[in-house]
Amino acid sequence: MKSRTEYLRRENLAAVRVEVANFKRFRKLVDQWADAALKLSQLKTRLGLHSSES
């Protein structure tokens, strides 16, 4: 993953900061969802609840 620098006009700075904050929140929520899905799958495996469907 490479970083990237881009110059912004001052009048766009506030909007870009909101977009970056929203993206960070999105990534955090996706990570939480992935963790929950993994835990659910592990629990289903332990309880023998996985179906044979793919």
Protein backbone atom coordinates (compact mmCIF):
# COMPACT_ATOMS: atom_id res chain seq x y z
CA MET A 1 0.00 0.00 0.00
CA LYS A 2 1.55 3.24 -1.11
CA SER A 3 0.79 6.65 0.28
CA ARG A 4 -0.19 9.47 -1.99
CA THR A 5 0.08 13.22 -1.64
CA GLU A 6 -2.28 15.53 -3.44
CA TYR A 7 -2.58 19.29 -3.17
CA LEU A 8 -6.00 20.76 -2.40
CA ARG A 9 -7.45 24.18 -2.61
CA ARG A 10 -8.22 25.64 0.76
CA GLU A 11 -11.95 25.88 -0.08
CA ASN A 12 -12.06 22.08 -0.64
CA LEU A 13 -10.18 21.12 2.52
CA ALA A 14 -13.20 20.84 4.84
CA ALA A 15 -15.12 18.62 2.40
CA VAL A 16 -12.12 16.35 1.87
CA ARG A 17 -11.62 16.01 5.62
CA VAL A 18 -15.26 14.90 5.95
CA GLU A 19 -14.76 12.36 3.16
CA VAL A 20 -11.61 10.99 4.78
CA ALA A 21 -13.36 10.71 8.17
CA ASN A 22 -16.29 8.91 6.53
CA PHE A 23 -13.92 6.49 4.80
CA LYS A 24 -12.11 5.75 8.07
CA ARG A 25 -15.45 5.05 9.75
CA PHE A 26 -16.45 2.80 6.84
CA ARG A 27 -13.20 0.81 7.07
CA LYS A 28 -13.66 0.39 10.83
CA LEU A 29 -17.21 -0.90 10.33
CA VAL A 30 -16.08 -3.31 7.59
CA ASP A 31 -13.35 -4.64 9.88
CA GLN A 32 -15.88 -5.14 12.69
CA TRP A 33 -18.25 -6.94 10.30
CA ALA A 34 -15.46 -9.23 9.09
CA ASP A 35 -14.49 -10.08 12.67
CA ALA A 36 -18.12 -10.86 13.55
CA ALA A 37 -18.58 -13.00 10.42
CA LEU A 38 -15.43 -14.99 11.27
CA LYS A 39 -16.58 -15.54 14.86
CA LEU A 40 -20.02 -16.63 13.64
CA SER A 41 -18.47 -19.09 11.21
CA GLN A 42 -16.23 -20.52 13.93
CA LEU A 43 -19.21 -20.89 16.26
CA LYS A 44 -21.27 -22.61 13.57
CA THR A 45 -18.38 -25.00 12.94
CA ARG A 46 -18.13 -25.86 16.64
CA LEU A 47 -21.87 -26.44 16.86
CA GLY A 48 -22.06 -28.39 13.60
CA LEU A 49 -24.47 -25.89 12.06
CA HIS A 50 -22.75 -25.37 8.72
CA SER A 51 -24.86 -26.62 5.86
CA SER A 52 -23.35 -28.60 3.01
CA GLU A 53 -24.40 -25.82 0.57
CA SER A 54 -21.74 -23.57 -0.92
